Amino acid sequence: MHFSLGFSPCPNDTFIFDALINKKIDTEGLSFDIFLEDVETLNQWAMQGRLDISKISYGVLPLVLDRYQLLDAGGALGKGVGPLLISRQPLSPALIRDCRIAIPGERTTAHLLFSLAFPEASNKEFMIFSGIEDAVLSGAADCGVIIHESRFTYQQKGLVKVMDLGEFWEKTTEAPIPLGGIVLRKGRDAVLAGKINGLIRKSLEYAFSRYPQLPDYVKNHAQEMDERVMRQHIDLYVNEHSLSLGKEGRHAVQTLLKTYAAAHSQEAVDAQTLSIVS
């Protein structure tokens, strides 16, 4: 059987999926058409239902639950992994409401966490995550919310941290930070869905068994070509929750759905309604 599969070219995603798509493990008769895109593009595609399987920001999960179900494996979730709010010079958080803010996509988890911390800030510009540091450095934006490799490079460029938005989430909710997950189009046979989830887990187990060796697939697609930074990226975003959400991870996802619902005056998706394939 053949499936369309989308994820980002960032080291955490290519590390997870390398063994699966390059057939270093037995794919049990399944094959995949691969789409490498930034996460905001994948978020938009998920809202359109374009792919069979896709990485998404958890910030967009409430908007796609009508057509997708969440997989237990392959996601990015944990503590100390959240986006950072940065600027050119030290800035009081009290001033953020009047700043021009660069955000890595409207439907990203980063935007959701920023909005939770600064609900009155409205002067936002949404752009691809890799352009945010330059936007702040050039003065096109006063502040920016950075994710991925930028967490490891912003200080080298003379930028400073205003707030760790992940820490704010953790203190506010007492839950880990759900950044991104893998979703599968609904309507698939439960056995097949479980097989897909299991293959993603096996792919990651294969990668872990050879780490800190980096597959060529990771190195060829990383925006930041320093292998030290690639490993920092993987160490931060790929962990036991990537193998399985577990009880703590499921609680974090449920907390995010409740937070989203409260912010949009909606009824939250309850734990029984949320479909997670394991």
C-alpha atoms as a PDB file:
ATOM      1  CA  MET A   1       0.000   0.000   0.000  1.00  0.00           C
ATOM      2  CA  HIS A   2       1.132   3.515  -0.816  1.00  0.00           C
ATOM      3  CA  PHE A   3       0.822   6.636   1.372  1.00  0.00           C
ATOM      4  CA  SER A   4       1.747  10.305   1.133  1.00  0.00           C
ATOM      5  CA  LEU A   5       3.869  11.349   4.133  1.00  0.00           C
ATOM      6  CA  GLY A   6       4.944  14.868   5.059  1.00  0.00           C
ATOM      7  CA  PHE A   7       7.432  16.098   7.639  1.00  0.00           C
ATOM      8  CA  SER A   8       9.970  18.876   8.010  1.00  0.00           C
ATOM      9  CA  PRO A   9      13.627  18.769   6.886  1.00  0.00           C
ATOM     10  CA  CYS A  10      14.687  19.552  10.471  1.00  0.00           C
ATOM     11  CA  PRO A  11      17.038  17.038  12.151  1.00  0.00           C
ATOM     12  CA  ASN A  12      14.458  15.734  14.609  1.00  0.00           C
ATOM     13  CA  ASP A  13      12.057  14.684  11.843  1.00  0.00           C
ATOM     14  CA  THR A  14      14.651  13.323   9.409  1.00  0.00           C
ATOM     15  CA  PHE A  15      16.248  11.411  12.306  1.00  0.00           C
ATOM     16  CA  ILE A  16      12.907   9.793  13.161  1.00  0.00           C
ATOM     17  CA  PHE A  17      11.879   8.907   9.600  1.00  0.00           C
ATOM     18  CA  ASP A  18      15.231   8.060   7.958  1.00  0.00           C
ATOM     19  CA  ALA A  19      15.092   4.290   8.558  1.00  0.00           C
ATOM     20  CA  LEU A  20      11.460   4.079   7.435  1.00  0.00           C
ATOM     21  CA  ILE A  21      11.667   5.974   4.169  1.00  0.00           C
ATOM     22  CA  ASN A  22      15.128   4.692   3.236  1.00  0.00           C
ATOM     23  CA  LYS A  23      14.031   1.111   4.001  1.00  0.00           C
ATOM     24  CA  LYS A  24      16.627   0.385   6.647  1.00  0.00           C
ATOM     25  CA  ILE A  25      13.821  -1.475   8.389  1.00  0.00           C
ATOM     26  CA  ASP A  26      11.192  -3.817   6.993  1.00  0.00           C
ATOM     27  CA  THR A  27       8.308  -1.572   5.906  1.00  0.00           C
ATOM     28  CA  GLU A  28       5.935  -4.569   5.858  1.00  0.00           C
ATOM     29  CA  GLY A  29       4.685  -3.911   2.330  1.00  0.00           C
ATOM     30  CA  LEU A  30       4.051  -0.187   2.810  1.00  0.00           C
ATOM     31  CA  SER A  31       5.670   2.549   0.695  1.00  0.00           C
ATOM     32  CA  PHE A  32       5.623   6.314   0.962  1.00  0.00           C
ATOM     33  CA  ASP A  33       5.714   9.444  -1.214  1.00  0.00           C
ATOM     34  CA  ILE A  34       7.696  11.969   0.848  1.00  0.00           C
ATOM     35  CA  PHE A  35       6.968  15.708   1.112  1.00  0.00           C
ATOM     36  CA  LEU A  36       9.570  17.772   2.983  1.00  0.00           C
ATOM     37  CA  GLU A  37       8.047  21.114   3.975  1.00  0.00           C
ATOM     38  CA  ASP A  38       8.224  23.641   6.790  1.00  0.00           C
ATOM     39  CA  VAL A  39       5.743  22.910   9.546  1.00  0.00           C
ATOM     40  CA  GLU A  40       3.422  25.822   8.757  1.00  0.00           C
ATOM     41  CA  THR A  41       2.986  24.528   5.197  1.00  0.00           C
ATOM     42  CA  LEU A  42       2.232  21.088   6.640  1.00  0.00           C
ATOM     43  CA  ASN A  43      -0.270  22.684   9.020  1.00  0.00           C
ATOM     44  CA  GLN A  44      -2.069  24.337   6.118  1.00  0.00           C
ATOM     45  CA  TRP A  45      -2.034  21.122   4.120  1.00  0.00           C
ATOM     46  CA  ALA A  46      -3.471  19.216   7.077  1.00  0.00           C
ATOM     47  CA  MET A  47      -6.330  21.691   7.256  1.00  0.00           C
ATOM     48  CA  GLN A  48      -6.942  20.916   3.569  1.00  0.00           C
ATOM     49  CA  GLY A  49      -6.571  17.161   4.115  1.00  0.00           C
ATOM     50  CA  ARG A  50      -3.887  16.846   1.433  1.00  0.00           C
ATOM     51  CA  LEU A  51      -1.649  14.112   2.889  1.00  0.00           C
ATOM     52  CA  ASP A  52      -2.322  10.667   4.285  1.00  0.00           C
ATOM     53  CA  ILE A  53       0.224  11.037   7.102  1.00  0.00           C
ATOM     54  CA  SER A  54       1.745  14.307   8.284  1.00  0.00           C
ATOM     55  CA  LYS A  55       3.754  16.044  10.951  1.00  0.00           C
ATOM     56  CA  ILE A  56       1.779  18.973  12.335  1.00  0.00           C
ATOM     57  CA  SER A  57       2.061  21.532  15.091  1.00  0.00           C
ATOM     58  CA  TYR A  58      -0.094  20.607  18.054  1.00  0.00           C
ATOM     59  CA  GLY A  59      -1.459  24.139  17.743  1.00  0.00           C
ATOM     60  CA  VAL A  60      -3.387  23.062  14.640  1.00  0.00           C
ATOM     61  CA  LEU A  61      -4.568  19.711  16.021  1.00  0.00           C
ATOM     62  CA  PRO A  62      -7.958  21.050  17.211  1.00  0.00           C
ATOM     63  CA  LEU A  63      -8.695  22.159  13.637  1.00  0.00           C
ATOM     64  CA  VAL A  64      -7.962  18.827  11.941  1.00  0.00           C
ATOM     65  CA  LEU A  65      -9.499  16.279  14.333  1.00  0.00           C
ATOM     66  CA  ASP A  66     -12.475  15.958  12.017  1.00  0.00           C
ATOM     67  CA  ARG A  67     -10.296  14.288   9.371  1.00  0.00           C
ATOM     68  CA  TYR A  68      -7.146  13.063  11.147  1.00  0.00           C
ATOM     69  CA  GLN A  69      -6.286  10.932  14.167  1.00  0.00           C
ATOM     70  CA  LEU A  70      -3.135  11.374  16.235  1.00  0.00           C
ATOM     71  CA  LEU A  71      -0.393   8.744  16.218  1.00  0.00           C
ATOM     72  CA  ASP A  72       1.273   7.745  19.463  1.00  0.00           C
ATOM     73  CA  ALA A  73       4.795   7.751  17.960  1.00  0.00           C
ATOM     74  CA  GLY A  74       6.947  10.257  16.102  1.00  0.00           C
ATOM     75  CA  GLY A  75       6.121  13.514  17.856  1.00  0.00           C
ATOM     76  CA  ALA A  76       8.041  16.191  19.722  1.00  0.00           C
ATOM     77  CA  LEU A  77       6.981  16.710  23.327  1.00  0.00           C
ATOM     78  CA  GLY A  78       8.787  17.314  26.581  1.00  0.00           C
ATOM     79  CA  LYS A  79      10.071  19.806  29.115  1.00  0.00           C
ATOM     80  CA  GLY A  80      12.515  22.571  28.308  1.00  0.00           C
ATOM     81  CA  VAL A  81      11.768  22.290  24.594  1.00  0.00           C
ATOM     82  CA  GLY A  82       9.548  25.306  24.030  1.00  0.00           C
ATOM     83  CA  PRO A  83       9.979  28.283  21.693  1.00  0.00           C
ATOM     84  CA  LEU A  84      11.891  31.381  22.796  1.00  0.00           C
ATOM     85  CA  LEU A  85      10.929  35.017  22.438  1.00  0.00           C
ATOM     86  CA  ILE A  86      14.031  36.992  21.406  1.00  0.00           C
ATOM     87  CA  SER A  87      14.956  40.602  20.564  1.00  0.00           C
ATOM     88  CA  ARG A  88      17.974  42.723  19.672  1.00  0.00           C
ATOM     89  CA  GLN A  89      18.408  44.027  23.208  1.00  0.00           C
ATOM     90  CA  PRO A  90      16.973  43.254  26.658  1.00  0.00           C
ATOM     91  CA  LEU A  91      13.288  44.109  26.722  1.00  0.00           C
ATOM     92  CA  SER A  92      10.731  44.092  29.508  1.00  0.00           C
ATOM     93  CA  PRO A  93       7.894  41.619  28.865  1.00  0.00           C
ATOM     94  CA  ALA A  94       5.518  44.449  29.780  1.00  0.00           C
ATOM     95  CA  LEU A  95       6.433  46.177  26.497  1.00  0.00           C
ATOM     96  CA  ILE A  96       5.676  43.215  24.224  1.00  0.00           C
ATOM     97  CA  ARG A  97       2.057  44.218  23.601  1.00  0.00           C
ATOM     98  CA  ASP A  98       3.267  47.211  21.551  1.00  0.00           C
ATOM     99  CA  CYS A  99       6.024  45.387  19.635  1.00  0.00           C
ATOM    100  CA  ARG A 100       6.111  44.005  16.121  1.00  0.00           C
ATOM    101  CA  ILE A 101       6.400  40.239  16.582  1.00  0.00           C
ATOM    102  CA  ALA A 102       7.651  37.725  14.003  1.00  0.00           C
ATOM    103  CA  ILE A 103       5.883  34.374  14.456  1.00  0.00           C
ATOM    104  CA  PRO A 104       6.750  31.050  12.727  1.00  0.00           C
ATOM    105  CA  GLY A 105       3.268  30.461  11.321  1.00  0.00           C
ATOM    106  CA  GLU A 106      -0.247  31.290  12.431  1.00  0.00           C
ATOM    107  CA  ARG A 107      -1.261  27.725  13.301  1.00  0.00           C
ATOM    108  CA  THR A 108       1.955  26.679  15.024  1.00  0.00           C
ATOM    109  CA  THR A 109       2.244  25.652  18.654  1.00  0.00           C
ATOM    110  CA  ALA A 110       4.747  28.498  19.001  1.00  0.00           C
ATOM    111  CA  HIS A 111       1.995  30.995  18.171  1.00  0.00           C
ATOM    112  CA  LEU A 112      -0.400  29.334  20.609  1.00  0.00           C
ATOM    113  CA  LEU A 113       2.159  29.519  23.434  1.00  0.00           C
ATOM    114  CA  PHE A 114       3.024  33.137  22.587  1.00  0.00           C
ATOM    115  CA  SER A 115      -0.675  34.065  22.631  1.00  0.00           C
ATOM    116  CA  LEU A 116      -1.092  32.390  26.011  1.00  0.00           C
ATOM    117  CA  ALA A 117       1.758  34.464  27.450  1.00  0.00           C
ATOM    118  CA  PHE A 118       0.870  37.727  25.667  1.00  0.00           C
ATOM    119  CA  PRO A 119      -2.853  37.708  24.834  1.00  0.00           C
ATOM    120  CA  GLU A 120      -2.925  41.463  24.155  1.00  0.00           C
ATOM    121  CA  ALA A 121      -0.107  41.454  21.596  1.00  0.00           C
ATOM    122  CA  SER A 122      -1.663  41.832  18.148  1.00  0.00           C
ATOM    123  CA  ASN A 123       1.010  43.289  15.835  1.00  0.00           C
ATOM    124  CA  LYS A 124       2.206  39.969  14.422  1.00  0.00           C
ATOM    125  CA  GLU A 125       3.820  38.950  11.164  1.00  0.00           C
ATOM    126  CA  PHE A 126       3.752  35.270  10.247  1.00  0.00           C
ATOM    127  CA  MET A 127       6.750  33.915   8.360  1.00  0.00           C
ATOM    128  CA  ILE A 128       8.838  30.807   7.868  1.00  0.00           C
ATOM    129  CA  PHE A 129      10.816  29.996  11.032  1.00  0.00           C
ATOM    130  CA  SER A 130      14.225  30.260   9.341  1.00  0.00           C
ATOM    131  CA  GLY A 131      13.686  33.949   8.536  1.00  0.00           C
ATOM    132  CA  ILE A 132      12.830  35.173  12.017  1.00  0.00           C
ATOM    133  CA  GLU A 133      16.341  35.862  13.320  1.00  0.00           C
ATOM    134  CA  ASP A 134      17.113  37.991  10.258  1.00  0.00           C
ATOM    135  CA  ALA A 135      13.806  39.856  10.609  1.00  0.00           C
ATOM    136  CA  VAL A 136      14.721  40.831  14.176  1.00  0.00           C
ATOM    137  CA  LEU A 137      18.322  41.672  13.295  1.00  0.00           C
ATOM    138  CA  SER A 138      17.240  43.913  10.409  1.00  0.00           C
ATOM    139  CA  GLY A 139      14.641  45.750  12.491  1.00  0.00           C
ATOM    140  CA  ALA A 140      11.745  44.440  10.396  1.00  0.00           C
ATOM    141  CA  ALA A 141      10.466  43.002  13.688  1.00  0.00           C
ATOM    142  CA  ASP A 142      11.079  44.119  17.268  1.00  0.00           C
ATOM    143  CA  CYS A 143      10.890  40.566  18.607  1.00  0.00           C
ATOM    144  CA  GLY A 144      10.630  37.078  17.220  1.00  0.00           C
ATOM    145  CA  VAL A 145       9.486  33.658  18.373  1.00  0.00           C
ATOM    146  CA  ILE A 146      12.171  31.148  17.447  1.00  0.00           C
ATOM    147  CA  ILE A 147      12.050  27.365  17.186  1.00  0.00           C
ATOM    148  CA  HIS A 148      14.198  24.529  15.840  1.00  0.00           C
ATOM    149  CA  GLU A 149      17.881  25.270  15.132  1.00  0.00           C
ATOM    150  CA  SER A 150      17.465  28.954  15.935  1.00  0.00           C
ATOM    151  CA  ARG A 151      17.390  28.082  19.633  1.00  0.00           C
ATOM    152  CA  PHE A 152      21.075  27.216  19.316  1.00  0.00           C
ATOM    153  CA  THR A 153      22.235  30.066  17.079  1.00  0.00           C
ATOM    154  CA  TYR A 154      20.479  33.265  18.206  1.00  0.00           C
ATOM    155  CA  GLN A 155      23.095  34.210  20.811  1.00  0.00           C
ATOM    156  CA  GLN A 156      25.904  33.868  18.288  1.00  0.00           C
ATOM    157  CA  LYS A 157      24.094  36.491  16.206  1.00  0.00           C
ATOM    158  CA  GLY A 158      23.899  38.958  19.105  1.00  0.00           C
ATOM    159  CA  LEU A 159      20.234  38.397  19.936  1.00  0.00           C
ATOM    160  CA  VAL A 160      18.937  38.040  23.498  1.00  0.00           C
ATOM    161  CA  LYS A 161      16.175  36.025  25.145  1.00  0.00           C
ATOM    162  CA  VAL A 162      13.139  37.932  26.414  1.00  0.00           C
ATOM    163  CA  MET A 163      11.177  34.894  27.617  1.00  0.00           C
ATOM    164  CA  ASP A 164      11.210  31.120  27.385  1.00  0.00           C
ATOM    165  CA  LEU A 165       7.627  30.509  26.276  1.00  0.00           C
ATOM    166  CA  GLY A 166       7.966  26.832  27.122  1.00  0.00           C
ATOM    167  CA  GLU A 167       8.791  27.631  30.738  1.00  0.00           C
ATOM    168  CA  PHE A 168       5.734  29.887  30.870  1.00  0.00           C
ATOM    169  CA  TRP A 169       3.562  27.022  29.583  1.00  0.00           C
ATOM    170  CA  GLU A 170       5.031  24.546  32.073  1.00  0.00           C
ATOM    171  CA  LYS A 171       4.507  26.894  35.035  1.00  0.00           C
ATOM    172  CA  THR A 172       0.983  27.777  33.907  1.00  0.00           C
ATOM    173  CA  THR A 173      -0.261  24.277  33.094  1.00  0.00           C
ATOM    174  CA  GLU A 174       2.131  21.977  35.012  1.00  0.00           C
ATOM    175  CA  ALA A 175       2.308  19.862  31.843  1.00  0.00           C
ATOM    176  CA  PRO A 176       5.068  19.111  29.316  1.00  0.00           C
ATOM    177  CA  ILE A 177       5.056  21.082  26.078  1.00  0.00           C
ATOM    178  CA  PRO A 178       3.362  19.380  23.116  1.00  0.00           C
ATOM    179  CA  LEU A 179       5.136  20.847  20.084  1.00  0.00           C
ATOM    180  CA  GLY A 180       4.395  18.602  17.121  1.00  0.00           C
ATOM    181  CA  GLY A 181       2.744  15.276  16.427  1.00  0.00           C
ATOM    182  CA  ILE A 182       2.096  12.871  13.573  1.00  0.00           C
ATOM    183  CA  VAL A 183      -1.447  12.492  12.257  1.00  0.00           C
ATOM    184  CA  LEU A 184      -3.042   9.851  10.024  1.00  0.00           C
ATOM    185  CA  ARG A 185      -6.081  10.384   7.860  1.00  0.00           C
ATOM    186  CA  LYS A 186      -9.185   8.884   9.451  1.00  0.00           C
ATOM    187  CA  GLY A 187     -10.967   5.961   7.862  1.00  0.00           C
ATOM    188  CA  ARG A 188      -8.007   3.594   7.830  1.00  0.00           C
ATOM    189  CA  ASP A 189      -8.419   0.075   9.161  1.00  0.00           C
ATOM    190  CA  ALA A 190      -7.366  -0.040  12.835  1.00  0.00           C
ATOM    191  CA  VAL A 191      -4.825  -2.795  12.165  1.00  0.00           C
ATOM    192  CA  LEU A 192      -3.254  -0.814   9.324  1.00  0.00           C
ATOM    193  CA  ALA A 193      -3.178   2.356  11.433  1.00  0.00           C
ATOM    194  CA  GLY A 194      -1.439   0.449  14.214  1.00  0.00           C
ATOM    195  CA  LYS A 195       1.084  -0.923  11.709  1.00  0.00           C
ATOM    196  CA  ILE A 196       1.952   2.594  10.509  1.00  0.00           C
ATOM    197  CA  ASN A 197       2.417   3.813  14.076  1.00  0.00           C
ATOM    198  CA  GLY A 198       4.565   0.771  14.842  1.00  0.00           C
ATOM    199  CA  LEU A 199       6.786   1.363  11.798  1.00  0.00           C
ATOM    200  CA  ILE A 200       7.445   4.941  12.874  1.00  0.00           C
ATOM    201  CA  ARG A 201       8.421   3.690  16.322  1.00  0.00           C
ATOM    202  CA  LYS A 202      10.710   1.027  14.806  1.00  0.00           C
ATOM    203  CA  SER A 203      12.312   3.661  12.578  1.00  0.00           C
ATOM    204  CA  LEU A 204      13.144   5.774  15.615  1.00  0.00           C
ATOM    205  CA  GLU A 205      14.385   2.768  17.575  1.00  0.00           C
ATOM    206  CA  TYR A 206      16.741   2.022  14.683  1.00  0.00           C
ATOM    207  CA  ALA A 207      18.042   5.618  14.760  1.00  0.00           C
ATOM    208  CA  PHE A 208      18.490   5.548  18.546  1.00  0.00           C
ATOM    209  CA  SER A 209      20.423   2.268  18.335  1.00  0.00           C
ATOM    210  CA  ARG A 210      23.084   3.965  16.192  1.00  0.00           C
ATOM    211  CA  TYR A 211      23.125   7.402  17.804  1.00  0.00           C
ATOM    212  CA  PRO A 212      25.210   9.628  18.065  1.00  0.00           C
ATOM    213  CA  GLN A 213      25.959   8.558  14.503  1.00  0.00           C
ATOM    214  CA  LEU A 214      24.011  10.842  12.155  1.00  0.00           C
ATOM    215  CA  PRO A 215      22.472   9.390   8.988  1.00  0.00           C
ATOM    216  CA  ASP A 216      23.364  11.118   5.721  1.00  0.00           C
ATOM    217  CA  TYR A 217      19.664  11.865   5.330  1.00  0.00           C
ATOM    218  CA  VAL A 218      19.785  14.084   8.424  1.00  0.00           C
ATOM    219  CA  LYS A 219      22.997  15.837   7.395  1.00  0.00           C
ATOM    220  CA  ASN A 220      21.858  16.436   3.822  1.00  0.00           C
ATOM    221  CA  HIS A 221      18.656  18.210   4.864  1.00  0.00           C
ATOM    222  CA  ALA A 222      19.732  20.148   7.965  1.00  0.00           C
ATOM    223  CA  GLN A 223      19.635  23.909   7.607  1.00  0.00           C
ATOM    224  CA  GLU A 224      22.400  24.248  10.205  1.00  0.00           C
ATOM    225  CA  MET A 225      25.239  22.090   8.881  1.00  0.00           C
ATOM    226  CA  ASP A 226      27.285  21.946  12.097  1.00  0.00           C
ATOM    227  CA  GLU A 227      26.880  18.368  13.349  1.00  0.00           C
ATOM    228  CA  ARG A 228      27.107  19.562  16.954  1.00  0.00           C
ATOM    229  CA  VAL A 229      24.007  21.691  16.408  1.00  0.00           C
ATOM    230  CA  MET A 230      22.226  18.807  14.674  1.00  0.00           C
ATOM    231  CA  ARG A 231      22.817  16.625  17.736  1.00  0.00           C
ATOM    232  CA  GLN A 232      21.682  19.415  20.071  1.00  0.00           C
ATOM    233  CA  HIS A 233      18.520  19.624  18.023  1.00  0.00           C
ATOM    234  CA  ILE A 234      17.898  15.873  18.192  1.00  0.00           C
ATOM    235  CA  ASP A 235      18.744  15.711  21.914  1.00  0.00           C
ATOM    236  CA  LEU A 236      16.236  18.473  22.629  1.00  0.00           C
ATOM    237  CA  TYR A 237      13.290  17.346  20.518  1.00  0.00           C
ATOM    238  CA  VAL A 238      13.556  13.549  20.281  1.00  0.00           C
ATOM    239  CA  ASN A 239      13.007  11.616  23.498  1.00  0.00           C
ATOM    240  CA  GLU A 240      10.962   8.832  25.081  1.00  0.00           C
ATOM    241  CA  HIS A 241       7.763  10.723  24.223  1.00  0.00           C
ATOM    242  CA  SER A 242       8.738  10.420  20.548  1.00  0.00           C
ATOM    243  CA  LEU A 243       8.596   6.641  20.917  1.00  0.00           C
ATOM    244  CA  SER A 244       5.270   6.847  22.750  1.00  0.00           C
ATOM    245  CA  LEU A 245       3.313   9.724  24.237  1.00  0.00           C
ATOM    246  CA  GLY A 246       2.697   7.784  27.421  1.00  0.00           C
ATOM    247  CA  LYS A 247       0.383   8.936  30.182  1.00  0.00           C
ATOM    248  CA  GLU A 248       2.244  12.230  30.704  1.00  0.00           C
ATOM    249  CA  GLY A 249       2.272  12.999  26.995  1.00  0.00           C
ATOM    250  CA  ARG A 250      -1.413  12.286  26.557  1.00  0.00           C
ATOM    251  CA  HIS A 251      -2.156  14.555  29.499  1.00  0.00           C
ATOM    252  CA  ALA A 252      -0.095  17.311  27.858  1.00  0.00           C
ATOM    253  CA  VAL A 253      -2.020  16.986  24.579  1.00  0.00           C
ATOM    254  CA  GLN A 254      -5.331  17.072  26.431  1.00  0.00           C
ATOM    255  CA  THR A 255      -4.161  20.165  28.331  1.00  0.00           C
ATOM    256  CA  LEU A 256      -3.312  21.915  25.074  1.00  0.00           C
ATOM    257  CA  LEU A 257      -6.726  21.080  23.603  1.00  0.00           C
ATOM    258  CA  LYS A 258      -8.426  22.483  26.707  1.00  0.00           C
ATOM    259  CA  THR A 259      -6.260  25.626  26.555  1.00  0.00           C
ATOM    260  CA  TYR A 260      -7.107  26.123  22.885  1.00  0.00           C
ATOM    261  CA  ALA A 261     -10.813  25.611  23.552  1.00  0.00           C
ATOM    262  CA  ALA A 262     -10.801  28.124  26.424  1.00  0.00           C
ATOM    263  CA  ALA A 263      -8.998  30.714  24.289  1.00  0.00           C
ATOM    264  CA  HIS A 264     -11.570  30.305  21.497  1.00  0.00           C
ATOM    265  CA  SER A 265     -14.665  29.924  23.693  1.00  0.00           C
ATOM    266  CA  GLN A 266     -15.189  26.363  22.505  1.00  0.00           C
ATOM    267  CA  GLU A 267     -16.011  23.074  24.155  1.00  0.00           C
ATOM    268  CA  ALA A 268     -12.844  21.051  24.650  1.00  0.00           C
ATOM    269  CA  VAL A 269     -12.329  17.651  23.060  1.00  0.00           C
ATOM    270  CA  ASP A 270     -12.527  15.159  25.927  1.00  0.00           C
ATOM    271  CA  ALA A 271     -10.123  12.294  26.475  1.00  0.00           C
ATOM    272  CA  GLN A 272     -12.624   9.733  25.203  1.00  0.00           C
ATOM    273  CA  THR A 273     -13.212  11.613  21.944  1.00  0.00           C
ATOM    274  CA  LEU A 274      -9.519  12.182  21.168  1.00  0.00           C
ATOM    275  CA  SER A 275      -8.401   9.310  18.953  1.00  0.00           C
ATOM    276  CA  ILE A 276      -4.761   8.245  19.396  1.00  0.00           C
ATOM    277  CA  VAL A 277      -3.393   5.307  17.412  1.00  0.00           C
ATOM    278  CA  SER A 278      -0.961   3.143  19.346  1.00  0.00           C
END
